[in-house]
């Protein structure tokens, strides 16, 4: 039976470390790291995410600034707000909660955020730096996955890793981070042929494809580490249930370590957002 990789416990370790480092930062610079969160519209899930992010920011001793805009706000209004935040010396990190209403251009918004305040790690300059192996702000979910992986396998060098999914948010940056850790990385996706056979050779499987219980037990090499990024709401036995992209009950007896859903990768994402905000604050203070 696989060891459970406890995202709640590991994320709390990250939060505790960040809180300690924020206290040192305040003493060194006489400044409080500031995170600005921009929420457009009334999407219920987005409201929950923002509330949790603000709560965590306050918990680690950062200043959180919320900006709420109506769902029908214009691109110009949103871009003007981002420009104001880029130029605000009390704001060290900017996060625009995605997805945005359909009439707004997400790529334009992401590119408008100053790269050194882009705590989501989505700005093209940060994406490029990560691909080149240079220092950058790293997307929070892949960063969290790497922290979890290193908890169960300190040396990833030489491991065969398969990333299921090629999104800009998880799949591509995850592959880049695994390559930086000297893994041999294969990215598979909806058009990949023989996906089961490719996965079955992997020492590490990161599932981020957005399909409930997509990864089956016979896809997993005995003793592999499985990181399940997916979170999908399904109906089972007349009840709503959250499941990952991995068939947890079937895969758990095969893997050596596995993340549960919920309670796995999810808590790490917000913890790494706090870590990125501190990293951004340090970078900005070093430039000033």
C-alpha atoms as a PDB file:
ATOM      1  CA  UNK A   1       0.000   0.000   0.000  1.00  0.00           C
ATOM      2  CA  UNK A   2       1.337   3.404  -1.029  1.00  0.00           C
ATOM      3  CA  UNK A   3       2.421   6.052   1.447  1.00  0.00           C
ATOM      4  CA  UNK A   4       0.045   9.016   1.394  1.00  0.00           C
ATOM      5  CA  UNK A   5       1.730  12.307   0.523  1.00  0.00           C
ATOM      6  CA  UNK A   6      -0.110  14.638   2.892  1.00  0.00           C
ATOM      7  CA  UNK A   7      -0.553  17.998   1.183  1.00  0.00           C
ATOM      8  CA  UNK A   8      -2.127  19.575   4.248  1.00  0.00           C
ATOM      9  CA  UNK A   9       0.871  18.737   6.422  1.00  0.00           C
ATOM     10  CA  UNK A  10       3.513  19.707   3.845  1.00  0.00           C
ATOM     11  CA  UNK A  11       1.703  22.937   2.944  1.00  0.00           C
ATOM     12  CA  UNK A  12       1.631  23.891   6.624  1.00  0.00           C
ATOM     13  CA  UNK A  13       5.403  23.391   6.760  1.00  0.00           C
ATOM     14  CA  UNK A  14       5.743  25.772   3.793  1.00  0.00           C
ATOM     15  CA  UNK A  15       3.397  28.292   5.420  1.00  0.00           C
ATOM     16  CA  UNK A  16       5.335  28.149   8.701  1.00  0.00           C
ATOM     17  CA  UNK A  17       8.638  28.692   6.854  1.00  0.00           C
ATOM     18  CA  UNK A  18       7.198  31.631   4.897  1.00  0.00           C
ATOM     19  CA  UNK A  19       5.765  33.208   8.068  1.00  0.00           C
ATOM     20  CA  UNK A  20       9.188  33.039   9.721  1.00  0.00           C
ATOM     21  CA  UNK A  21      10.881  34.513   6.649  1.00  0.00           C
ATOM     22  CA  UNK A  22       8.235  37.281   6.369  1.00  0.00           C
ATOM     23  CA  UNK A  23       9.055  38.299   9.935  1.00  0.00           C
ATOM     24  CA  UNK A  24      12.755  38.524   8.970  1.00  0.00           C
ATOM     25  CA  UNK A  25      11.843  40.465   5.805  1.00  0.00           C
ATOM     26  CA  UNK A  26       9.853  43.027   7.815  1.00  0.00           C
ATOM     27  CA  UNK A  27      12.758  43.504  10.189  1.00  0.00           C
ATOM     28  CA  UNK A  28      15.291  43.843   7.368  1.00  0.00           C
ATOM     29  CA  UNK A  29      13.327  46.193   5.111  1.00  0.00           C
ATOM     30  CA  UNK A  30      10.764  47.766   7.458  1.00  0.00           C
ATOM     31  CA  UNK A  31       8.191  46.756   4.836  1.00  0.00           C
ATOM     32  CA  UNK A  32       5.311  44.268   4.772  1.00  0.00           C
ATOM     33  CA  UNK A  33       5.104  42.070   1.656  1.00  0.00           C
ATOM     34  CA  UNK A  34       1.885  43.004  -0.159  1.00  0.00           C
ATOM     35  CA  UNK A  35      -0.263  40.705  -2.294  1.00  0.00           C
ATOM     36  CA  UNK A  36      -2.959  42.243  -4.508  1.00  0.00           C
ATOM     37  CA  UNK A  37      -5.707  39.852  -5.606  1.00  0.00           C
ATOM     38  CA  UNK A  38      -8.031  40.912  -8.427  1.00  0.00           C
ATOM     39  CA  UNK A  39     -11.395  39.170  -8.757  1.00  0.00           C
ATOM     40  CA  UNK A  40     -13.685  39.885 -11.705  1.00  0.00           C
ATOM     41  CA  UNK A  41     -17.295  38.754 -11.534  1.00  0.00           C
ATOM     42  CA  UNK A  42     -19.216  36.462  -9.222  1.00  0.00           C
ATOM     43  CA  UNK A  43     -17.913  32.956  -9.984  1.00  0.00           C
ATOM     44  CA  UNK A  44     -18.521  31.023  -6.727  1.00  0.00           C
ATOM     45  CA  UNK A  45     -15.388  28.852  -6.985  1.00  0.00           C
ATOM     46  CA  UNK A  46     -13.239  31.922  -7.635  1.00  0.00           C
ATOM     47  CA  UNK A  47     -14.673  33.623  -4.550  1.00  0.00           C
ATOM     48  CA  UNK A  48     -13.718  30.588  -2.427  1.00  0.00           C
ATOM     49  CA  UNK A  49     -10.196  30.537  -3.859  1.00  0.00           C
ATOM     50  CA  UNK A  50      -9.705  34.251  -3.260  1.00  0.00           C
ATOM     51  CA  UNK A  51     -11.002  34.008   0.302  1.00  0.00           C
ATOM     52  CA  UNK A  52      -8.537  31.197   1.033  1.00  0.00           C
ATOM     53  CA  UNK A  53      -5.634  33.117  -0.523  1.00  0.00           C
ATOM     54  CA  UNK A  54      -6.389  36.234   1.508  1.00  0.00           C
ATOM     55  CA  UNK A  55      -6.688  34.134   4.668  1.00  0.00           C
ATOM     56  CA  UNK A  56      -3.291  32.526   4.079  1.00  0.00           C
ATOM     57  CA  UNK A  57      -1.660  35.876   3.306  1.00  0.00           C
ATOM     58  CA  UNK A  58      -2.869  37.277   6.610  1.00  0.00           C
ATOM     59  CA  UNK A  59      -1.745  34.105   8.383  1.00  0.00           C
ATOM     60  CA  UNK A  60       1.881  34.514   7.237  1.00  0.00           C
ATOM     61  CA  UNK A  61       1.929  38.218   8.114  1.00  0.00           C
ATOM     62  CA  UNK A  62       1.551  39.664   4.638  1.00  0.00           C
ATOM     63  CA  UNK A  63      -0.736  42.486   3.617  1.00  0.00           C
ATOM     64  CA  UNK A  64      -3.515  41.368   1.274  1.00  0.00           C
ATOM     65  CA  UNK A  65      -5.334  43.854  -0.919  1.00  0.00           C
ATOM     66  CA  UNK A  66      -8.523  42.731  -2.669  1.00  0.00           C
ATOM     67  CA  UNK A  67      -9.857  44.406  -5.793  1.00  0.00           C
ATOM     68  CA  UNK A  68     -13.295  43.271  -6.936  1.00  0.00           C
ATOM     69  CA  UNK A  69     -14.588  44.281 -10.329  1.00  0.00           C
ATOM     70  CA  UNK A  70     -18.039  43.630 -11.831  1.00  0.00           C
ATOM     71  CA  UNK A  71     -18.398  40.834 -14.394  1.00  0.00           C
ATOM     72  CA  UNK A  72     -19.105  43.378 -17.154  1.00  0.00           C
ATOM     73  CA  UNK A  73     -15.995  45.486 -16.513  1.00  0.00           C
ATOM     74  CA  UNK A  74     -14.069  46.479 -19.637  1.00  0.00           C
ATOM     75  CA  UNK A  75     -10.630  45.300 -20.683  1.00  0.00           C
ATOM     76  CA  UNK A  76      -9.464  48.890 -20.361  1.00  0.00           C
ATOM     77  CA  UNK A  77     -10.675  49.128 -16.749  1.00  0.00           C
ATOM     78  CA  UNK A  78      -8.931  45.881 -15.789  1.00  0.00           C
ATOM     79  CA  UNK A  79      -5.715  46.832 -17.579  1.00  0.00           C
ATOM     80  CA  UNK A  80      -5.729  50.246 -15.871  1.00  0.00           C
ATOM     81  CA  UNK A  81      -6.035  48.589 -12.454  1.00  0.00           C
ATOM     82  CA  UNK A  82      -3.133  46.253 -13.229  1.00  0.00           C
ATOM     83  CA  UNK A  83      -1.023  49.224 -14.335  1.00  0.00           C
ATOM     84  CA  UNK A  84      -1.790  50.990 -11.036  1.00  0.00           C
ATOM     85  CA  UNK A  85      -0.760  47.868  -9.095  1.00  0.00           C
ATOM     86  CA  UNK A  86       2.424  47.517 -11.146  1.00  0.00           C
ATOM     87  CA  UNK A  87       3.380  51.034 -10.046  1.00  0.00           C
ATOM     88  CA  UNK A  88       2.328  50.677  -6.392  1.00  0.00           C
ATOM     89  CA  UNK A  89       5.459  50.213  -4.217  1.00  0.00           C
ATOM     90  CA  UNK A  90       3.362  48.565  -1.473  1.00  0.00           C
ATOM     91  CA  UNK A  91       2.278  45.774  -3.842  1.00  0.00           C
ATOM     92  CA  UNK A  92       4.908  43.067  -4.376  1.00  0.00           C
ATOM     93  CA  UNK A  93       2.696  40.385  -5.890  1.00  0.00           C
ATOM     94  CA  UNK A  94      -0.280  40.616  -8.265  1.00  0.00           C
ATOM     95  CA  UNK A  95      -2.710  37.773  -8.868  1.00  0.00           C
ATOM     96  CA  UNK A  96      -5.668  38.029 -11.227  1.00  0.00           C
ATOM     97  CA  UNK A  97      -8.043  35.175 -10.420  1.00  0.00           C
ATOM     98  CA  UNK A  98      -8.760  33.026 -13.466  1.00  0.00           C
ATOM     99  CA  UNK A  99     -10.910  32.238 -15.347  1.00  0.00           C
ATOM    100  CA  UNK A 100     -12.039  35.689 -16.404  1.00  0.00           C
ATOM    101  CA  UNK A 101     -15.403  36.467 -18.019  1.00  0.00           C
ATOM    102  CA  UNK A 102     -15.377  35.507 -21.690  1.00  0.00           C
ATOM    103  CA  UNK A 103     -15.221  39.059 -23.062  1.00  0.00           C
ATOM    104  CA  UNK A 104     -11.856  39.673 -21.367  1.00  0.00           C
ATOM    105  CA  UNK A 105      -8.562  38.589 -22.949  1.00  0.00           C
ATOM    106  CA  UNK A 106      -6.665  36.476 -20.398  1.00  0.00           C
ATOM    107  CA  UNK A 107      -3.392  36.516 -22.362  1.00  0.00           C
ATOM    108  CA  UNK A 108      -3.460  40.310 -22.512  1.00  0.00           C
ATOM    109  CA  UNK A 109      -4.118  40.504 -18.766  1.00  0.00           C
ATOM    110  CA  UNK A 110      -1.300  38.083 -17.899  1.00  0.00           C
ATOM    111  CA  UNK A 111       1.138  39.991 -20.118  1.00  0.00           C
ATOM    112  CA  UNK A 112       0.081  43.301 -18.526  1.00  0.00           C
ATOM    113  CA  UNK A 113       1.238  42.206 -15.062  1.00  0.00           C
ATOM    114  CA  UNK A 114       4.823  43.226 -14.300  1.00  0.00           C
ATOM    115  CA  UNK A 115       6.915  40.046 -14.602  1.00  0.00           C
ATOM    116  CA  UNK A 116       8.604  40.628 -11.239  1.00  0.00           C
ATOM    117  CA  UNK A 117       5.172  40.878  -9.526  1.00  0.00           C
ATOM    118  CA  UNK A 118       3.666  37.899 -11.402  1.00  0.00           C
ATOM    119  CA  UNK A 119       3.222  35.522  -8.461  1.00  0.00           C
ATOM    120  CA  UNK A 120       1.217  33.078 -10.597  1.00  0.00           C
ATOM    121  CA  UNK A 121       4.297  32.594 -12.791  1.00  0.00           C
ATOM    122  CA  UNK A 122       2.275  32.901 -16.017  1.00  0.00           C
ATOM    123  CA  UNK A 123       3.950  35.974 -17.597  1.00  0.00           C
ATOM    124  CA  UNK A 124       5.780  35.125 -20.845  1.00  0.00           C
ATOM    125  CA  UNK A 125       9.090  36.325 -19.362  1.00  0.00           C
ATOM    126  CA  UNK A 126       8.723  33.973 -16.388  1.00  0.00           C
ATOM    127  CA  UNK A 127       7.624  31.117 -18.653  1.00  0.00           C
ATOM    128  CA  UNK A 128      10.683  31.686 -20.840  1.00  0.00           C
ATOM    129  CA  UNK A 129      13.043  31.892 -17.874  1.00  0.00           C
ATOM    130  CA  UNK A 130      11.702  28.611 -16.489  1.00  0.00           C
ATOM    131  CA  UNK A 131      12.120  26.913 -19.870  1.00  0.00           C
ATOM    132  CA  UNK A 132      15.738  28.135 -19.977  1.00  0.00           C
ATOM    133  CA  UNK A 133      16.428  26.990 -16.420  1.00  0.00           C
ATOM    134  CA  UNK A 134      16.899  30.550 -15.170  1.00  0.00           C
ATOM    135  CA  UNK A 135      15.606  31.972 -11.893  1.00  0.00           C
ATOM    136  CA  UNK A 136      11.951  32.964 -12.205  1.00  0.00           C
ATOM    137  CA  UNK A 137       8.612  33.031 -10.453  1.00  0.00           C
ATOM    138  CA  UNK A 138       7.307  29.476 -10.932  1.00  0.00           C
ATOM    139  CA  UNK A 139       3.629  28.536 -11.347  1.00  0.00           C
ATOM    140  CA  UNK A 140       2.331  27.602  -7.910  1.00  0.00           C
ATOM    141  CA  UNK A 141       0.862  24.156  -8.588  1.00  0.00           C
ATOM    142  CA  UNK A 142       3.956  22.665 -10.282  1.00  0.00           C
ATOM    143  CA  UNK A 143       6.154  24.240  -7.597  1.00  0.00           C
ATOM    144  CA  UNK A 144       3.983  22.547  -4.953  1.00  0.00           C
ATOM    145  CA  UNK A 145       4.232  19.225  -6.788  1.00  0.00           C
ATOM    146  CA  UNK A 146       8.034  19.447  -6.790  1.00  0.00           C
ATOM    147  CA  UNK A 147       8.131  20.153  -3.057  1.00  0.00           C
ATOM    148  CA  UNK A 148       5.946  17.093  -2.447  1.00  0.00           C
ATOM    149  CA  UNK A 149       8.051  14.901  -4.733  1.00  0.00           C
ATOM    150  CA  UNK A 150      11.235  15.881  -2.923  1.00  0.00           C
ATOM    151  CA  UNK A 151       9.641  14.957   0.393  1.00  0.00           C
ATOM    152  CA  UNK A 152       9.380  11.327  -0.738  1.00  0.00           C
ATOM    153  CA  UNK A 153      12.407  11.188  -3.088  1.00  0.00           C
ATOM    154  CA  UNK A 154      15.241  13.564  -2.254  1.00  0.00           C
ATOM    155  CA  UNK A 155      17.189  12.766  -5.443  1.00  0.00           C
ATOM    156  CA  UNK A 156      15.061  12.725  -8.585  1.00  0.00           C
ATOM    157  CA  UNK A 157      18.087  12.564 -10.901  1.00  0.00           C
ATOM    158  CA  UNK A 158      17.773   9.922 -13.605  1.00  0.00           C
ATOM    159  CA  UNK A 159      14.137   9.078 -12.863  1.00  0.00           C
ATOM    160  CA  UNK A 160      11.727   8.500 -15.736  1.00  0.00           C
ATOM    161  CA  UNK A 161       8.835  10.965 -15.313  1.00  0.00           C
ATOM    162  CA  UNK A 162       5.598  11.160 -17.271  1.00  0.00           C
ATOM    163  CA  UNK A 163       3.438  14.292 -17.151  1.00  0.00           C
ATOM    164  CA  UNK A 164      -0.133  13.698 -18.291  1.00  0.00           C
ATOM    165  CA  UNK A 165      -1.426  16.992 -19.681  1.00  0.00           C
ATOM    166  CA  UNK A 166       0.241  19.872 -21.521  1.00  0.00           C
ATOM    167  CA  UNK A 167      -1.431  22.987 -20.096  1.00  0.00           C
ATOM    168  CA  UNK A 168       0.503  26.206 -19.580  1.00  0.00           C
ATOM    169  CA  UNK A 169      -0.591  26.211 -15.935  1.00  0.00           C
ATOM    170  CA  UNK A 170       0.595  22.729 -14.914  1.00  0.00           C
ATOM    171  CA  UNK A 171       1.798  20.347 -17.623  1.00  0.00           C
ATOM    172  CA  UNK A 172       4.448  22.413 -19.408  1.00  0.00           C
ATOM    173  CA  UNK A 173       6.006  24.064 -16.315  1.00  0.00           C
ATOM    174  CA  UNK A 174       5.911  20.709 -14.495  1.00  0.00           C
ATOM    175  CA  UNK A 175       7.903  19.120 -17.298  1.00  0.00           C
ATOM    176  CA  UNK A 176      10.432  21.986 -17.157  1.00  0.00           C
ATOM    177  CA  UNK A 177      10.902  21.591 -13.388  1.00  0.00           C
ATOM    178  CA  UNK A 178      11.360  17.829 -13.677  1.00  0.00           C
ATOM    179  CA  UNK A 179      13.996  18.341 -16.377  1.00  0.00           C
ATOM    180  CA  UNK A 180      15.782  20.816 -14.106  1.00  0.00           C
ATOM    181  CA  UNK A 181      15.825  18.021 -11.499  1.00  0.00           C
ATOM    182  CA  UNK A 182      17.565  15.800 -14.103  1.00  0.00           C
ATOM    183  CA  UNK A 183      14.586  13.554 -14.771  1.00  0.00           C
ATOM    184  CA  UNK A 184      13.962  12.061 -18.196  1.00  0.00           C
ATOM    185  CA  UNK A 185      10.576  13.581 -19.008  1.00  0.00           C
ATOM    186  CA  UNK A 186       7.786  12.534 -21.368  1.00  0.00           C
ATOM    187  CA  UNK A 187       4.655  14.668 -21.778  1.00  0.00           C
ATOM    188  CA  UNK A 188       1.537  12.787 -22.880  1.00  0.00           C
ATOM    189  CA  UNK A 189      -1.873  14.228 -23.718  1.00  0.00           C
ATOM    190  CA  UNK A 190      -5.222  13.527 -25.350  1.00  0.00           C
ATOM    191  CA  UNK A 191      -3.629  12.795 -28.757  1.00  0.00           C
ATOM    192  CA  UNK A 192      -0.854  10.528 -27.458  1.00  0.00           C
ATOM    193  CA  UNK A 193      -0.852   6.966 -28.737  1.00  0.00           C
ATOM    194  CA  UNK A 194      -0.163   4.057 -26.345  1.00  0.00           C
ATOM    195  CA  UNK A 195      -0.473   6.383 -23.342  1.00  0.00           C
ATOM    196  CA  UNK A 196      -0.939   3.425 -20.975  1.00  0.00           C
ATOM    197  CA  UNK A 197       2.295   1.763 -22.106  1.00  0.00           C
ATOM    198  CA  UNK A 198       4.279   5.020 -21.827  1.00  0.00           C
ATOM    199  CA  UNK A 199       2.986   5.636 -18.290  1.00  0.00           C
ATOM    200  CA  UNK A 200       3.740   2.058 -17.228  1.00  0.00           C
ATOM    201  CA  UNK A 201       7.502   2.704 -17.638  1.00  0.00           C
ATOM    202  CA  UNK A 202       7.517   5.804 -15.428  1.00  0.00           C
ATOM    203  CA  UNK A 203       9.070   6.128 -11.971  1.00  0.00           C
ATOM    204  CA  UNK A 204       7.015   9.317 -11.478  1.00  0.00           C
ATOM    205  CA  UNK A 205       3.564  10.052 -12.895  1.00  0.00           C
ATOM    206  CA  UNK A 206       2.050  13.544 -12.626  1.00  0.00           C
ATOM    207  CA  UNK A 207      -1.593  13.519 -13.727  1.00  0.00           C
ATOM    208  CA  UNK A 208      -3.026  16.883 -14.776  1.00  0.00           C
ATOM    209  CA  UNK A 209      -5.452  16.193 -17.590  1.00  0.00           C
ATOM    210  CA  UNK A 210      -8.796  17.107 -15.990  1.00  0.00           C
ATOM    211  CA  UNK A 211     -10.531  13.760 -16.474  1.00  0.00           C
ATOM    212  CA  UNK A 212     -11.941  11.979 -13.416  1.00  0.00           C
ATOM    213  CA  UNK A 213     -10.148   8.731 -12.503  1.00  0.00           C
ATOM    214  CA  UNK A 214      -8.487   8.631 -15.928  1.00  0.00           C
ATOM    215  CA  UNK A 215      -5.287   6.875 -14.791  1.00  0.00           C
ATOM    216  CA  UNK A 216      -5.827   3.177 -14.026  1.00  0.00           C
ATOM    217  CA  UNK A 217      -3.816   0.713 -11.969  1.00  0.00           C
ATOM    218  CA  UNK A 218      -2.325  -1.109 -14.980  1.00  0.00           C
ATOM    219  CA  UNK A 219      -0.832   2.193 -16.161  1.00  0.00           C
ATOM    220  CA  UNK A 220       1.375   2.399 -13.074  1.00  0.00           C
ATOM    221  CA  UNK A 221       4.697   0.648 -12.593  1.00  0.00           C
ATOM    222  CA  UNK A 222       4.880  -1.039  -9.166  1.00  0.00           C
ATOM    223  CA  UNK A 223       6.616   1.352  -6.773  1.00  0.00           C
ATOM    224  CA  UNK A 224       6.076   4.501  -8.857  1.00  0.00           C
ATOM    225  CA  UNK A 225       5.316   7.870  -7.255  1.00  0.00           C
ATOM    226  CA  UNK A 226       1.955   9.310  -8.340  1.00  0.00           C
ATOM    227  CA  UNK A 227       1.101  13.015  -8.069  1.00  0.00           C
ATOM    228  CA  UNK A 228      -2.571  13.677  -8.826  1.00  0.00           C
ATOM    229  CA  UNK A 229      -3.203  17.320  -9.727  1.00  0.00           C
ATOM    230  CA  UNK A 230      -6.786  16.781 -10.897  1.00  0.00           C
ATOM    231  CA  UNK A 231      -9.853  17.785  -8.934  1.00  0.00           C
ATOM    232  CA  UNK A 232     -13.166  16.752 -10.467  1.00  0.00           C
ATOM    233  CA  UNK A 233     -16.676  16.786  -9.034  1.00  0.00           C
ATOM    234  CA  UNK A 234     -18.646  13.620  -9.851  1.00  0.00           C
ATOM    235  CA  UNK A 235     -21.897  12.002  -8.752  1.00  0.00           C
ATOM    236  CA  UNK A 236     -21.501   8.624  -7.047  1.00  0.00           C
ATOM    237  CA  UNK A 237     -24.215   6.734  -5.178  1.00  0.00           C
ATOM    238  CA  UNK A 238     -26.385   9.822  -5.384  1.00  0.00           C
ATOM    239  CA  UNK A 239     -23.760  12.012  -3.702  1.00  0.00           C
ATOM    240  CA  UNK A 240     -21.375  14.646  -5.006  1.00  0.00           C
ATOM    241  CA  UNK A 241     -17.777  13.561  -4.591  1.00  0.00           C
ATOM    242  CA  UNK A 242     -14.395  15.087  -5.422  1.00  0.00           C
ATOM    243  CA  UNK A 243     -11.965  12.785  -7.213  1.00  0.00           C
ATOM    244  CA  UNK A 244      -8.661  13.252  -8.963  1.00  0.00           C
ATOM    245  CA  UNK A 245      -7.412  12.286 -12.409  1.00  0.00           C
ATOM    246  CA  UNK A 246      -6.159   9.010 -10.913  1.00  0.00           C
ATOM    247  CA  UNK A 247      -8.311   6.030  -9.907  1.00  0.00           C
ATOM    248  CA  UNK A 248      -7.055   6.301  -6.342  1.00  0.00           C
ATOM    249  CA  UNK A 249      -8.548   3.082  -4.926  1.00  0.00           C
ATOM    250  CA  UNK A 250      -7.044   0.995  -7.737  1.00  0.00           C
ATOM    251  CA  UNK A 251      -3.666   2.764  -7.962  1.00  0.00           C
ATOM    252  CA  UNK A 252      -2.879   3.094  -4.245  1.00  0.00           C
ATOM    253  CA  UNK A 253      -1.915  -0.594  -3.796  1.00  0.00           C
ATOM    254  CA  UNK A 254       0.500  -0.386  -6.770  1.00  0.00           C
ATOM    255  CA  UNK A 255       2.309   2.929  -6.157  1.00  0.00           C
ATOM    256  CA  UNK A 256       4.966   3.554  -3.514  1.00  0.00           C
ATOM    257  CA  UNK A 257       3.572   7.030  -2.739  1.00  0.00           C
ATOM    258  CA  UNK A 258       0.485   8.912  -3.902  1.00  0.00           C
ATOM    259  CA  UNK A 259      -1.305  12.201  -3.281  1.00  0.00           C
ATOM    260  CA  UNK A 260      -4.967  11.998  -2.201  1.00  0.00           C
ATOM    261  CA  UNK A 261      -7.789  14.138  -3.592  1.00  0.00           C
ATOM    262  CA  UNK A 262      -8.765  16.251  -1.776  1.00  0.00           C
ATOM    263  CA  UNK A 263      -5.912  16.995   0.641  1.00  0.00           C
ATOM    264  CA  UNK A 264      -3.004  16.475  -1.738  1.00  0.00           C
ATOM    265  CA  UNK A 265      -1.794  19.024  -4.276  1.00  0.00           C
ATOM    266  CA  UNK A 266      -4.605  21.536  -3.593  1.00  0.00           C
ATOM    267  CA  UNK A 267      -3.301  22.968  -0.296  1.00  0.00           C
ATOM    268  CA  UNK A 268       0.206  23.263  -1.782  1.00  0.00           C
ATOM    269  CA  UNK A 269      -0.917  25.702  -4.472  1.00  0.00           C
ATOM    270  CA  UNK A 270      -1.890  28.449  -2.042  1.00  0.00           C
ATOM    271  CA  UNK A 271       1.153  27.783   0.160  1.00  0.00           C
ATOM    272  CA  UNK A 272       3.384  28.241  -2.892  1.00  0.00           C
ATOM    273  CA  UNK A 273       1.547  31.452  -3.771  1.00  0.00           C
ATOM    274  CA  UNK A 274       2.709  32.806  -0.396  1.00  0.00           C
ATOM    275  CA  UNK A 275       6.229  31.549  -1.127  1.00  0.00           C
ATOM    276  CA  UNK A 276       6.195  33.290  -4.530  1.00  0.00           C
ATOM    277  CA  UNK A 277       4.943  36.551  -3.027  1.00  0.00           C
ATOM    278  CA  UNK A 278       7.869  36.578  -0.604  1.00  0.00           C
ATOM    279  CA  UNK A 279      10.275  35.742  -3.451  1.00  0.00           C
ATOM    280  CA  UNK A 280       8.827  38.614  -5.498  1.00  0.00           C
ATOM    281  CA  UNK A 281       9.100  41.017  -2.549  1.00  0.00           C
ATOM    282  CA  UNK A 282      12.756  40.100  -2.023  1.00  0.00           C
ATOM    283  CA  UNK A 283      13.502  40.580  -5.710  1.00  0.00           C
ATOM    284  CA  UNK A 284      11.852  43.996  -5.794  1.00  0.00           C
ATOM    285  CA  UNK A 285      13.593  45.170  -2.635  1.00  0.00           C
ATOM    286  CA  UNK A 286      16.955  44.040  -4.015  1.00  0.00           C
ATOM    287  CA  UNK A 287      16.332  46.222  -7.093  1.00  0.00           C
ATOM    288  CA  UNK A 288      15.236  49.293  -5.140  1.00  0.00           C
END
